[in-house]
Every structure is written in C-alpha cells, then in structure tokens.
Amino acid sequence: MEQKCAPRRSLRLLAIASATLAIVSMLATVIIVPLVYNHVQHLQSVMNSEVDFCKTRSRDMWREMVTVQSVSGGIPARTARRTRRDNYGAQPIAANPPSSAAGSCCTCQVGPPGPPGPP
C-alpha cells in the first residue's frame, strides 16, 4: 500500500514546486519588465536631450564663425565647410534663439508636436 502512495507524494511535491516556480516567475515578470522599460525610456530621454544640447552648441559655434567671418570680411568659407555648416542649420545670429527640440514636443517622442511658437 505504501508503495503506491510513494509515487503520488513525489508527484504532488513536484506539482507544488512547479506551481510555486510559475507563480514566482510570473510575479517577477510583472514587476521587472515595467522597471526595465522605464529605465530604458529614461536613458533614451537623457540621450536625446544630450544630443540636442550637442547639436545646439555646434550650431551656435557655426553661427559665431559665420558672424566673425562676415564682420571681418575674411576668407570665404570652403564648400565642404559651408555644407557642414548648412547641415546644422547655422545662419547669422537672429533676435530669437533657436528652439532646442525642433519639430517635437519633448524628448520622449510621445504625442504630436505642439503649436508653433511666435514668429
């Protein structure tokens, strides 16, 4: 009689262990996946703002170079330099400062861009 109960007890223990493992893994997934997603989204936002800052600083440097060159009447800019400067959208310094996030509402890229600013 006890020989027939031994396989049942081992299978019962195995079923309990597998159910416990499934519940623990499900809870870990429900908790860990949103945390990882939030962390990755935060990193992406930080990197986007850093890239925008770098582009803005580079554009400002090009603007200063254009302004100094136009004031001093120095050597005309070479074609390659002009092309690189145009890629960053550098023009002579205007009264309005450039917007840091051109064409987007925020660095997370969620939602449509807002209305255009004043001219």
Protein backbone atom coordinates (compact mmCIF):
# COMPACT_ATOMS: atom_id res chain seq x y z
CA MET A 1 0.00 0.00 0.00
CA GLU A 2 2.79 2.39 0.86
CA GLN A 3 4.50 1.65 -2.44
CA LYS A 4 1.50 3.01 -4.33
CA CYS A 5 1.47 6.22 -2.23
CA ALA A 6 5.16 6.98 -2.77
CA PRO A 7 4.80 7.99 -6.47
CA ARG A 8 1.76 10.10 -5.58
CA ARG A 9 3.67 12.02 -2.91
CA SER A 10 6.63 12.64 -5.23
CA LEU A 11 4.29 13.85 -7.99
CA ARG A 12 2.42 16.06 -5.53
CA LEU A 13 5.70 17.61 -4.38
CA LEU A 14 6.74 18.13 -8.00
CA ALA A 15 3.39 19.77 -8.83
CA ILE A 16 3.63 22.11 -5.85
CA ALA A 17 7.22 23.04 -6.71
CA SER A 18 6.35 23.73 -10.36
CA ALA A 19 3.30 25.82 -9.44
CA THR A 20 5.39 27.83 -6.96
CA LEU A 21 8.09 28.39 -9.59
CA ALA A 22 5.46 29.51 -12.13
CA ILE A 23 3.92 31.98 -9.68
CA VAL A 24 7.30 33.41 -8.67
CA SER A 25 8.38 33.80 -12.30
CA MET A 26 5.08 35.46 -13.21
CA LEU A 27 5.38 37.95 -10.35
CA ALA A 28 9.00 38.66 -11.26
CA THR A 29 7.98 39.30 -14.86
CA VAL A 30 5.13 41.59 -13.86
CA ILE A 31 7.48 43.63 -11.67
CA ILE A 32 10.77 43.54 -13.62
CA VAL A 33 9.56 44.23 -17.18
CA PRO A 34 7.98 47.62 -16.36
CA LEU A 35 11.05 48.62 -14.34
CA VAL A 36 13.38 47.77 -17.22
CA TYR A 37 11.13 49.56 -19.71
CA ASN A 38 11.06 52.67 -17.54
CA HIS A 39 14.84 52.62 -17.17
CA VAL A 40 15.40 52.26 -20.92
CA GLN A 41 12.93 55.07 -21.66
CA HIS A 42 14.73 57.30 -19.15
CA LEU A 43 18.09 56.53 -20.79
CA GLN A 44 16.63 57.32 -24.22
CA SER A 45 15.26 60.65 -22.98
CA VAL A 46 18.59 61.59 -21.43
CA MET A 47 20.49 60.64 -24.59
CA ASN A 48 18.06 62.61 -26.80
CA SER A 49 18.47 65.71 -24.67
CA GLU A 50 22.26 65.31 -24.68
CA VAL A 51 22.30 65.01 -28.49
CA ASP A 52 20.05 68.07 -28.81
CA PHE A 53 22.36 70.00 -26.49
CA CYS A 54 25.39 68.96 -28.55
CA LYS A 55 23.68 69.96 -31.81
CA THR A 56 22.68 73.31 -30.33
CA ARG A 57 26.20 74.03 -29.13
CA SER A 58 27.63 73.05 -32.50
CA ARG A 59 25.09 75.22 -34.32
CA ASP A 60 25.97 78.15 -32.04
CA MET A 61 29.67 77.71 -32.78
CA TRP A 62 28.97 77.71 -36.52
CA ARG A 63 26.88 80.87 -36.10
CA GLU A 64 29.73 82.57 -34.29
CA MET A 65 32.13 81.56 -37.04
CA VAL A 66 29.76 82.93 -39.70
CA THR A 67 29.32 86.17 -37.76
CA VAL A 68 33.05 86.66 -37.22
CA GLN A 69 33.74 85.82 -40.85
CA SER A 70 31.11 88.23 -42.16
CA VAL A 71 32.25 91.04 -39.83
CA SER A 72 35.94 90.61 -40.59
CA GLY A 73 35.36 90.11 -44.32
CA GLY A 74 37.87 87.26 -44.15
CA ILE A 75 38.42 84.29 -46.38
CA PRO A 76 35.21 82.90 -47.86
CA ALA A 77 34.13 79.55 -46.42
CA ARG A 78 35.04 76.48 -48.42
CA THR A 79 32.32 74.37 -49.94
CA ALA A 80 32.82 71.45 -47.55
CA ARG A 81 32.74 73.75 -44.54
CA ARG A 82 29.67 75.51 -45.88
CA THR A 83 27.95 72.16 -46.41
CA ARG A 84 28.66 71.04 -42.86
CA ARG A 85 27.51 74.40 -41.52
CA ASP A 86 24.29 74.19 -43.55
CA ASN A 87 23.61 70.71 -42.20
CA TYR A 88 23.40 72.17 -38.71
CA GLY A 89 21.18 74.99 -39.92
CA ALA A 90 23.62 77.77 -38.99
CA GLN A 91 22.64 81.22 -40.13
CA PRO A 92 23.69 84.61 -38.91
CA ILE A 93 22.56 85.28 -35.37
CA ALA A 94 18.91 86.33 -35.23
CA ALA A 95 16.96 88.07 -32.49
CA ASN A 96 15.13 84.85 -31.49
CA PRO A 97 17.17 81.98 -30.02
CA PRO A 98 16.76 78.57 -31.69
CA SER A 99 14.40 76.07 -30.14
CA SER A 100 16.15 73.04 -28.67
CA ALA A 101 13.59 70.49 -29.83
CA ALA A 102 12.70 71.44 -33.38
CA GLY A 103 9.63 69.57 -34.58
CA SER A 104 8.94 67.54 -31.45
CA CYS A 105 7.06 68.20 -28.26
CA CYS A 106 9.50 66.54 -25.89
CA THR A 107 12.46 64.17 -25.82
CA CYS A 108 10.32 61.10 -25.19
CA GLN A 109 8.71 61.45 -28.66
CA VAL A 110 5.26 60.62 -27.25
CA GLY A 111 2.42 62.59 -28.76
CA PRO A 112 2.22 65.14 -31.53
CA PRO A 113 4.28 68.32 -31.50
CA GLY A 114 2.72 71.40 -30.02
CA PRO A 115 1.66 74.54 -31.89
CA PRO A 116 4.41 76.66 -33.47
CA GLY A 117 5.83 79.48 -31.43
CA PRO A 118 5.63 83.20 -32.16
CA PRO A 119 7.40 84.39 -35.33
